[in-house]
Amino acid sequence: MIQSVDRAIRILLALQGERRLGIAELAVRLELPPSTVHGIVKTLAAHHLVVQDVGSNRYQLGPAVLRLGNVYLDTLELRSRAVPWSEELARRSGLAVRLAVLAGDEVVIILHQPRPDGSRQMPEIGIVIPAHASALGKALLGFLPTEADRILAESHRSMTGDTITDAGELRRQFASVARTGLAEEKDEAVLGESSVAAPIFGGHGTAIGAISVVLPTTDWPVSESVGDVLREAARNISRELGATRWPAQPG
């Protein structure tokens, strides 16, 4: 591992989590001398990956990060293949649809299809959710046992009073996902919001993403017909990506 690159990435991740931080705050968080942090931050700023807030002199992520993110989305075959099926899933279910990939111990939303009822809804692309508190994350971890073991070995933060953090219960849920192809979460990430998700597989039979429908908890549980159209969408996207079966066996 190249130390300077690792430190630069840790600074970007710290700014992702806290939005704005000063040099002294970053130094404490990364356990590095302020002079070292200052030099790295100035280099990142020269490439517009971070910018300094004039009012507070703190630093935040810069516009180049957005450009990199847009390039990633534009070149991601999973996302491009999923767009029409996500639109169809939203239309048939009447619910919002999310598509996500696993990034460490979180899932990142790479596609958001709003509810088709015409209501005002915030775009969700780029939002991160702890994998253990997300139906999307559980759908992936049920078919990625190595990643599941890694995450189960860690401590799990509670997002709400309903977040499941017990490793034994999470392992039982992952096993259920492997049998049924569907994962659920009720009020675990956000109170009042629940979801059901299904894994998406690539050409080598590996789970590479997950798709979910999102609904108010007051409308929980989803109907059997919604579960069926969710499975159908996941199966169709997987087939377009070269998967020969859905669901595939856990790797």
C-alpha atoms as a PDB file:
ATOM      1  CA  MET A   1       0.000   0.000   0.000  1.00  0.00           C
ATOM      2  CA  ILE A   2       1.327   3.456  -0.932  1.00  0.00           C
ATOM      3  CA  GLN A   3       1.148   5.510   2.255  1.00  0.00           C
ATOM      4  CA  SER A   4       0.545   8.925   0.691  1.00  0.00           C
ATOM      5  CA  VAL A   5      -2.279   7.608  -1.485  1.00  0.00           C
ATOM      6  CA  ASP A   6      -3.849   5.849   1.489  1.00  0.00           C
ATOM      7  CA  ARG A   7      -3.737   9.065   3.514  1.00  0.00           C
ATOM      8  CA  ALA A   8      -5.287  11.107   0.706  1.00  0.00           C
ATOM      9  CA  ILE A   9      -8.134   8.620   0.364  1.00  0.00           C
ATOM     10  CA  ARG A  10      -8.702   8.655   4.130  1.00  0.00           C
ATOM     11  CA  ILE A  11      -8.998  12.451   4.004  1.00  0.00           C
ATOM     12  CA  LEU A  12     -11.583  12.242   1.223  1.00  0.00           C
ATOM     13  CA  LEU A  13     -13.555   9.633   3.149  1.00  0.00           C
ATOM     14  CA  ALA A  14     -13.431  11.751   6.309  1.00  0.00           C
ATOM     15  CA  LEU A  15     -14.813  14.722   4.388  1.00  0.00           C
ATOM     16  CA  GLN A  16     -17.509  12.506   2.922  1.00  0.00           C
ATOM     17  CA  GLY A  17     -18.681  11.644   6.411  1.00  0.00           C
ATOM     18  CA  GLU A  18     -18.444  15.059   8.065  1.00  0.00           C
ATOM     19  CA  ARG A  19     -18.929  17.428   5.090  1.00  0.00           C
ATOM     20  CA  ARG A  20     -16.501  20.108   6.397  1.00  0.00           C
ATOM     21  CA  LEU A  21     -13.360  19.687   8.488  1.00  0.00           C
ATOM     22  CA  GLY A  22     -10.364  21.850   9.342  1.00  0.00           C
ATOM     23  CA  ILE A  23      -6.730  20.791   9.155  1.00  0.00           C
ATOM     24  CA  ALA A  24      -6.515  20.267  12.927  1.00  0.00           C
ATOM     25  CA  GLU A  25      -9.687  18.166  12.936  1.00  0.00           C
ATOM     26  CA  LEU A  26      -8.433  16.035  10.056  1.00  0.00           C
ATOM     27  CA  ALA A  27      -5.079  15.588  11.788  1.00  0.00           C
ATOM     28  CA  VAL A  28      -6.766  14.306  14.950  1.00  0.00           C
ATOM     29  CA  ARG A  29      -9.058  12.018  12.987  1.00  0.00           C
ATOM     30  CA  LEU A  30      -6.241  10.518  10.910  1.00  0.00           C
ATOM     31  CA  GLU A  31      -3.705  10.588  13.782  1.00  0.00           C
ATOM     32  CA  LEU A  32      -1.191  12.479  11.641  1.00  0.00           C
ATOM     33  CA  PRO A  33       0.837  15.680  12.111  1.00  0.00           C
ATOM     34  CA  PRO A  34      -1.081  18.792  10.942  1.00  0.00           C
ATOM     35  CA  SER A  35       1.784  19.676   8.581  1.00  0.00           C
ATOM     36  CA  THR A  36       1.413  16.305   6.811  1.00  0.00           C
ATOM     37  CA  VAL A  37      -2.364  16.706   6.490  1.00  0.00           C
ATOM     38  CA  HIS A  38      -1.938  20.275   5.234  1.00  0.00           C
ATOM     39  CA  GLY A  39       0.389  19.158   2.452  1.00  0.00           C
ATOM     40  CA  ILE A  40      -1.957  16.394   1.291  1.00  0.00           C
ATOM     41  CA  VAL A  41      -5.007  18.676   1.433  1.00  0.00           C
ATOM     42  CA  LYS A  42      -3.234  21.347  -0.625  1.00  0.00           C
ATOM     43  CA  THR A  43      -2.407  18.715  -3.262  1.00  0.00           C
ATOM     44  CA  LEU A  44      -6.022  17.524  -3.357  1.00  0.00           C
ATOM     45  CA  ALA A  45      -7.177  21.132  -3.641  1.00  0.00           C
ATOM     46  CA  ALA A  46      -4.866  21.713  -6.610  1.00  0.00           C
ATOM     47  CA  HIS A  47      -6.800  18.968  -8.419  1.00  0.00           C
ATOM     48  CA  HIS A  48     -10.180  20.339  -7.216  1.00  0.00           C
ATOM     49  CA  LEU A  49     -10.893  17.178  -5.212  1.00  0.00           C
ATOM     50  CA  VAL A  50     -11.325  19.374  -2.140  1.00  0.00           C
ATOM     51  CA  VAL A  51     -12.103  23.073  -1.783  1.00  0.00           C
ATOM     52  CA  GLN A  52     -11.756  25.467   1.137  1.00  0.00           C
ATOM     53  CA  ASP A  53     -14.854  27.097   2.565  1.00  0.00           C
ATOM     54  CA  VAL A  54     -14.128  30.834   2.648  1.00  0.00           C
ATOM     55  CA  GLY A  55     -16.280  31.543   5.687  1.00  0.00           C
ATOM     56  CA  SER A  56     -14.872  28.884   8.013  1.00  0.00           C
ATOM     57  CA  ASN A  57     -11.521  27.974   6.375  1.00  0.00           C
ATOM     58  CA  ARG A  58     -12.573  24.348   6.632  1.00  0.00           C
ATOM     59  CA  TYR A  59     -12.312  21.971   3.695  1.00  0.00           C
ATOM     60  CA  GLN A  60     -15.015  20.046   1.851  1.00  0.00           C
ATOM     61  CA  LEU A  61     -15.177  17.759  -1.157  1.00  0.00           C
ATOM     62  CA  GLY A  62     -14.663  19.529  -4.467  1.00  0.00           C
ATOM     63  CA  PRO A  63     -16.344  19.400  -7.887  1.00  0.00           C
ATOM     64  CA  ALA A  64     -13.832  16.953  -9.352  1.00  0.00           C
ATOM     65  CA  VAL A  65     -15.264  14.264  -7.076  1.00  0.00           C
ATOM     66  CA  LEU A  66     -18.634  14.694  -8.774  1.00  0.00           C
ATOM     67  CA  ARG A  67     -17.004  14.444 -12.198  1.00  0.00           C
ATOM     68  CA  LEU A  68     -15.342  11.172 -11.237  1.00  0.00           C
ATOM     69  CA  GLY A  69     -18.633   9.862  -9.871  1.00  0.00           C
ATOM     70  CA  ASN A  70     -20.500  10.722 -13.055  1.00  0.00           C
ATOM     71  CA  VAL A  71     -17.886   8.938 -15.169  1.00  0.00           C
ATOM     72  CA  TYR A  72     -18.245   5.871 -12.949  1.00  0.00           C
ATOM     73  CA  LEU A  73     -22.033   5.865 -13.374  1.00  0.00           C
ATOM     74  CA  ASP A  74     -21.823   6.427 -17.142  1.00  0.00           C
ATOM     75  CA  THR A  75     -19.476   3.469 -17.636  1.00  0.00           C
ATOM     76  CA  LEU A  76     -21.265   1.059 -15.280  1.00  0.00           C
ATOM     77  CA  GLU A  77     -22.974  -1.660 -17.313  1.00  0.00           C
ATOM     78  CA  LEU A  78     -25.021  -2.801 -14.324  1.00  0.00           C
ATOM     79  CA  ARG A  79     -26.671   0.612 -14.138  1.00  0.00           C
ATOM     80  CA  SER A  80     -27.309   0.983 -17.873  1.00  0.00           C
ATOM     81  CA  ARG A  81     -28.844  -2.508 -18.098  1.00  0.00           C
ATOM     82  CA  ALA A  82     -31.014  -1.872 -15.056  1.00  0.00           C
ATOM     83  CA  VAL A  83     -32.572   1.449 -16.142  1.00  0.00           C
ATOM     84  CA  PRO A  84     -35.478   0.091 -18.229  1.00  0.00           C
ATOM     85  CA  TRP A  85     -36.217  -2.728 -15.770  1.00  0.00           C
ATOM     86  CA  SER A  86     -36.179  -0.276 -12.844  1.00  0.00           C
ATOM     87  CA  GLU A  87     -38.668   1.946 -14.627  1.00  0.00           C
ATOM     88  CA  GLU A  88     -40.880  -1.064 -15.305  1.00  0.00           C
ATOM     89  CA  LEU A  89     -40.604  -2.237 -11.694  1.00  0.00           C
ATOM     90  CA  ALA A  90     -41.614   1.205 -10.391  1.00  0.00           C
ATOM     91  CA  ARG A  91     -44.562   1.322 -12.767  1.00  0.00           C
ATOM     92  CA  ARG A  92     -45.834  -2.158 -11.877  1.00  0.00           C
ATOM     93  CA  SER A  93     -45.281  -1.893  -8.126  1.00  0.00           C
ATOM     94  CA  GLY A  94     -46.188   1.765  -7.671  1.00  0.00           C
ATOM     95  CA  LEU A  95     -43.110   2.090  -5.422  1.00  0.00           C
ATOM     96  CA  ALA A  96     -39.733   3.800  -5.530  1.00  0.00           C
ATOM     97  CA  VAL A  97     -36.866   1.630  -6.779  1.00  0.00           C
ATOM     98  CA  ARG A  98     -33.193   1.662  -5.762  1.00  0.00           C
ATOM     99  CA  LEU A  99     -30.189  -0.056  -7.329  1.00  0.00           C
ATOM    100  CA  ALA A 100     -27.023  -0.397  -5.252  1.00  0.00           C
ATOM    101  CA  VAL A 101     -23.555  -1.925  -5.120  1.00  0.00           C
ATOM    102  CA  LEU A 102     -21.508  -2.996  -2.109  1.00  0.00           C
ATOM    103  CA  ALA A 103     -18.648  -0.714  -1.040  1.00  0.00           C
ATOM    104  CA  GLY A 104     -16.886  -1.986   2.057  1.00  0.00           C
ATOM    105  CA  ASP A 105     -19.477  -2.305   4.801  1.00  0.00           C
ATOM    106  CA  GLU A 106     -21.988  -0.042   3.062  1.00  0.00           C
ATOM    107  CA  VAL A 107     -24.132  -0.040  -0.056  1.00  0.00           C
ATOM    108  CA  VAL A 108     -24.072   2.909  -2.452  1.00  0.00           C
ATOM    109  CA  ILE A 109     -27.187   3.862  -4.400  1.00  0.00           C
ATOM    110  CA  ILE A 110     -26.283   4.100  -8.103  1.00  0.00           C
ATOM    111  CA  LEU A 111     -29.810   4.376  -9.530  1.00  0.00           C
ATOM    112  CA  HIS A 112     -33.028   5.766  -8.068  1.00  0.00           C
ATOM    113  CA  GLN A 113     -36.393   5.519  -9.771  1.00  0.00           C
ATOM    114  CA  PRO A 114     -38.969   7.657  -7.909  1.00  0.00           C
ATOM    115  CA  ARG A 115     -42.479   6.511  -7.140  1.00  0.00           C
ATOM    116  CA  PRO A 116     -44.621   6.980 -10.267  1.00  0.00           C
ATOM    117  CA  ASP A 117     -47.322   8.919  -8.384  1.00  0.00           C
ATOM    118  CA  GLY A 118     -45.975  12.326  -9.356  1.00  0.00           C
ATOM    119  CA  SER A 119     -45.123  13.320  -5.777  1.00  0.00           C
ATOM    120  CA  ARG A 120     -42.052  15.389  -5.044  1.00  0.00           C
ATOM    121  CA  GLN A 121     -39.118  13.148  -4.112  1.00  0.00           C
ATOM    122  CA  MET A 122     -35.458  13.816  -3.412  1.00  0.00           C
ATOM    123  CA  PRO A 123     -32.910  12.181  -5.741  1.00  0.00           C
ATOM    124  CA  GLU A 124     -30.979   9.469  -3.894  1.00  0.00           C
ATOM    125  CA  ILE A 125     -28.012   8.629  -6.153  1.00  0.00           C
ATOM    126  CA  GLY A 126     -24.835   8.523  -4.092  1.00  0.00           C
ATOM    127  CA  ILE A 127     -26.545   7.873  -0.763  1.00  0.00           C
ATOM    128  CA  VAL A 128     -24.758   5.267   1.378  1.00  0.00           C
ATOM    129  CA  ILE A 129     -26.502   2.899   3.804  1.00  0.00           C
ATOM    130  CA  PRO A 130     -24.827   0.434   6.188  1.00  0.00           C
ATOM    131  CA  ALA A 131     -25.112  -2.968   4.528  1.00  0.00           C
ATOM    132  CA  HIS A 132     -26.364  -4.708   7.670  1.00  0.00           C
ATOM    133  CA  ALA A 133     -29.252  -2.204   7.987  1.00  0.00           C
ATOM    134  CA  SER A 134     -30.311  -2.346   4.358  1.00  0.00           C
ATOM    135  CA  ALA A 135     -32.346  -4.865   2.377  1.00  0.00           C
ATOM    136  CA  LEU A 136     -29.991  -4.093  -0.520  1.00  0.00           C
ATOM    137  CA  GLY A 137     -26.965  -5.007   1.586  1.00  0.00           C
ATOM    138  CA  LYS A 138     -28.571  -8.154   2.961  1.00  0.00           C
ATOM    139  CA  ALA A 139     -29.548  -9.260  -0.558  1.00  0.00           C
ATOM    140  CA  LEU A 140     -25.892  -9.049  -1.579  1.00  0.00           C
ATOM    141  CA  LEU A 141     -24.392 -10.535   1.579  1.00  0.00           C
ATOM    142  CA  GLY A 142     -26.647 -13.555   1.349  1.00  0.00           C
ATOM    143  CA  PHE A 143     -24.735 -14.515  -1.801  1.00  0.00           C
ATOM    144  CA  LEU A 144     -21.282 -13.180  -0.858  1.00  0.00           C
ATOM    145  CA  PRO A 145     -20.294 -15.351   2.139  1.00  0.00           C
ATOM    146  CA  THR A 146     -16.738 -14.036   2.327  1.00  0.00           C
ATOM    147  CA  GLU A 147     -17.960 -10.442   2.518  1.00  0.00           C
ATOM    148  CA  ALA A 148     -20.682 -11.508   4.941  1.00  0.00           C
ATOM    149  CA  ASP A 149     -18.138 -13.135   7.274  1.00  0.00           C
ATOM    150  CA  ARG A 150     -15.990  -9.993   7.182  1.00  0.00           C
ATOM    151  CA  ILE A 151     -18.918  -7.733   8.041  1.00  0.00           C
ATOM    152  CA  LEU A 152     -20.286 -10.095  10.692  1.00  0.00           C
ATOM    153  CA  ALA A 153     -16.923  -9.990  12.460  1.00  0.00           C
ATOM    154  CA  GLU A 154     -17.232  -6.215  12.896  1.00  0.00           C
ATOM    155  CA  SER A 155     -19.356  -4.241  15.336  1.00  0.00           C
ATOM    156  CA  HIS A 156     -22.553  -2.863  13.851  1.00  0.00           C
ATOM    157  CA  ARG A 157     -23.902   0.584  14.572  1.00  0.00           C
ATOM    158  CA  SER A 158     -27.590   0.986  15.241  1.00  0.00           C
ATOM    159  CA  MET A 159     -29.320   3.429  12.893  1.00  0.00           C
ATOM    160  CA  THR A 160     -32.703   3.195  14.630  1.00  0.00           C
ATOM    161  CA  GLY A 161     -34.159   1.256  17.523  1.00  0.00           C
ATOM    162  CA  ASP A 162     -35.113  -1.464  15.029  1.00  0.00           C
ATOM    163  CA  THR A 163     -31.679  -1.963  13.459  1.00  0.00           C
ATOM    164  CA  ILE A 164     -30.575  -5.576  13.773  1.00  0.00           C
ATOM    165  CA  THR A 165     -26.991  -5.646  15.053  1.00  0.00           C
ATOM    166  CA  ASP A 166     -26.742  -9.179  16.461  1.00  0.00           C
ATOM    167  CA  ALA A 167     -24.345 -11.212  14.311  1.00  0.00           C
ATOM    168  CA  GLY A 168     -26.262 -14.444  14.860  1.00  0.00           C
ATOM    169  CA  GLU A 169     -29.559 -12.950  13.725  1.00  0.00           C
ATOM    170  CA  LEU A 170     -27.899 -11.312  10.714  1.00  0.00           C
ATOM    171  CA  ARG A 171     -26.356 -14.652   9.740  1.00  0.00           C
ATOM    172  CA  ARG A 172     -29.804 -16.276   9.916  1.00  0.00           C
ATOM    173  CA  GLN A 173     -31.188 -13.525   7.665  1.00  0.00           C
ATOM    174  CA  PHE A 174     -28.384 -14.013   5.136  1.00  0.00           C
ATOM    175  CA  ALA A 175     -29.147 -17.746   5.046  1.00  0.00           C
ATOM    176  CA  SER A 176     -32.818 -16.964   4.436  1.00  0.00           C
ATOM    177  CA  VAL A 177     -31.871 -14.667   1.551  1.00  0.00           C
ATOM    178  CA  ALA A 178     -29.834 -17.457  -0.030  1.00  0.00           C
ATOM    179  CA  ARG A 179     -32.928 -19.696   0.076  1.00  0.00           C
ATOM    180  CA  THR A 180     -35.601 -17.227  -1.068  1.00  0.00           C
ATOM    181  CA  GLY A 181     -33.728 -14.676  -3.182  1.00  0.00           C
ATOM    182  CA  LEU A 182     -35.329 -11.795  -1.254  1.00  0.00           C
ATOM    183  CA  ALA A 183     -34.116  -9.669   1.666  1.00  0.00           C
ATOM    184  CA  GLU A 184     -36.204  -7.418   3.892  1.00  0.00           C
ATOM    185  CA  GLU A 185     -35.679  -4.576   6.316  1.00  0.00           C
ATOM    186  CA  LYS A 186     -38.310  -2.763   8.350  1.00  0.00           C
ATOM    187  CA  ASP A 187     -37.409   0.610   9.893  1.00  0.00           C
ATOM    188  CA  GLU A 188     -33.772  -0.468  10.230  1.00  0.00           C
ATOM    189  CA  ALA A 189     -32.077   2.383   8.346  1.00  0.00           C
ATOM    190  CA  VAL A 190     -34.760   5.107   8.535  1.00  0.00           C
ATOM    191  CA  LEU A 191     -37.809   5.108  10.769  1.00  0.00           C
ATOM    192  CA  GLY A 192     -40.993   4.972   8.722  1.00  0.00           C
ATOM    193  CA  GLU A 193     -39.266   3.465   5.672  1.00  0.00           C
ATOM    194  CA  SER A 194     -38.946  -0.218   4.792  1.00  0.00           C
ATOM    195  CA  SER A 195     -37.803  -2.155   1.744  1.00  0.00           C
ATOM    196  CA  VAL A 196     -37.454  -5.504   0.003  1.00  0.00           C
ATOM    197  CA  ALA A 197     -34.481  -6.306  -2.235  1.00  0.00           C
ATOM    198  CA  ALA A 198     -33.246  -8.973  -4.623  1.00  0.00           C
ATOM    199  CA  PRO A 199     -29.667  -9.712  -5.765  1.00  0.00           C
ATOM    200  CA  ILE A 200     -28.363  -9.182  -9.283  1.00  0.00           C
ATOM    201  CA  PHE A 201     -25.738 -11.539 -10.724  1.00  0.00           C
ATOM    202  CA  GLY A 202     -23.082 -11.092 -13.395  1.00  0.00           C
ATOM    203  CA  GLY A 203     -21.818 -13.470 -16.028  1.00  0.00           C
ATOM    204  CA  HIS A 204     -19.650 -15.423 -13.570  1.00  0.00           C
ATOM    205  CA  GLY A 205     -22.546 -16.042 -11.219  1.00  0.00           C
ATOM    206  CA  THR A 206     -21.313 -13.537  -8.624  1.00  0.00           C
ATOM    207  CA  ALA A 207     -23.692 -11.097  -6.927  1.00  0.00           C
ATOM    208  CA  ILE A 208     -22.654  -7.665  -8.220  1.00  0.00           C
ATOM    209  CA  GLY A 209     -25.589  -5.505  -7.149  1.00  0.00           C
ATOM    210  CA  ALA A 210     -29.084  -5.491  -5.725  1.00  0.00           C
ATOM    211  CA  ILE A 211     -32.401  -3.879  -6.593  1.00  0.00           C
ATOM    212  CA  SER A 212     -35.112  -2.945  -4.127  1.00  0.00           C
ATOM    213  CA  VAL A 213     -38.555  -1.424  -3.772  1.00  0.00           C
ATOM    214  CA  VAL A 214     -39.037   1.125  -0.982  1.00  0.00           C
ATOM    215  CA  LEU A 215     -42.308   1.785   0.816  1.00  0.00           C
ATOM    216  CA  PRO A 216     -43.638   3.551   3.907  1.00  0.00           C
ATOM    217  CA  THR A 217     -43.673   1.207   6.903  1.00  0.00           C
ATOM    218  CA  THR A 218     -47.374   1.966   7.267  1.00  0.00           C
ATOM    219  CA  ASP A 219     -47.857  -0.031   4.030  1.00  0.00           C
ATOM    220  CA  TRP A 220     -45.745  -2.977   5.219  1.00  0.00           C
ATOM    221  CA  PRO A 221     -45.556  -5.789   4.252  1.00  0.00           C
ATOM    222  CA  VAL A 222     -45.348  -5.806   0.481  1.00  0.00           C
ATOM    223  CA  SER A 223     -47.770  -8.004  -1.374  1.00  0.00           C
ATOM    224  CA  GLU A 224     -46.755 -11.304  -2.916  1.00  0.00           C
ATOM    225  CA  SER A 225     -47.274  -9.781  -6.366  1.00  0.00           C
ATOM    226  CA  VAL A 226     -44.736  -7.022  -5.617  1.00  0.00           C
ATOM    227  CA  GLY A 227     -42.225  -9.661  -4.519  1.00  0.00           C
ATOM    228  CA  ASP A 228     -42.818 -11.483  -7.784  1.00  0.00           C
ATOM    229  CA  VAL A 229     -42.206  -8.428  -9.989  1.00  0.00           C
ATOM    230  CA  LEU A 230     -39.089  -7.591  -7.946  1.00  0.00           C
ATOM    231  CA  ARG A 231     -37.710 -11.088  -8.554  1.00  0.00           C
ATOM    232  CA  GLU A 232     -38.586 -10.756 -12.235  1.00  0.00           C
ATOM    233  CA  ALA A 233     -36.689  -7.469 -12.538  1.00  0.00           C
ATOM    234  CA  ALA A 234     -33.607  -8.892 -10.797  1.00  0.00           C
ATOM    235  CA  ARG A 235     -33.742 -12.004 -12.986  1.00  0.00           C
ATOM    236  CA  ASN A 236     -34.037  -9.983 -16.207  1.00  0.00           C
ATOM    237  CA  ILE A 237     -31.154  -7.643 -15.331  1.00  0.00           C
ATOM    238  CA  SER A 238     -28.991 -10.615 -14.357  1.00  0.00           C
ATOM    239  CA  ARG A 239     -29.773 -12.366 -17.632  1.00  0.00           C
ATOM    240  CA  GLU A 240     -28.749  -9.277 -19.625  1.00  0.00           C
ATOM    241  CA  LEU A 241     -25.464  -9.227 -17.710  1.00  0.00           C
ATOM    242  CA  GLY A 242     -24.737 -12.827 -18.706  1.00  0.00           C
ATOM    243  CA  ALA A 243     -25.972 -14.769 -15.679  1.00  0.00           C
ATOM    244  CA  THR A 244     -27.252 -18.226 -16.599  1.00  0.00           C
ATOM    245  CA  ARG A 245     -29.428 -18.699 -13.526  1.00  0.00           C
ATOM    246  CA  TRP A 246     -31.207 -16.659 -10.854  1.00  0.00           C
ATOM    247  CA  PRO A 247     -30.539 -16.826  -8.059  1.00  0.00           C
ATOM    248  CA  ALA A 248     -27.048 -18.235  -8.357  1.00  0.00           C
ATOM    249  CA  GLN A 249     -25.594 -20.357  -5.589  1.00  0.00           C
ATOM    250  CA  PRO A 250     -23.733 -18.375  -2.909  1.00  0.00           C
ATOM    251  CA  GLY A 251     -20.074 -18.181  -3.895  1.00  0.00           C
END
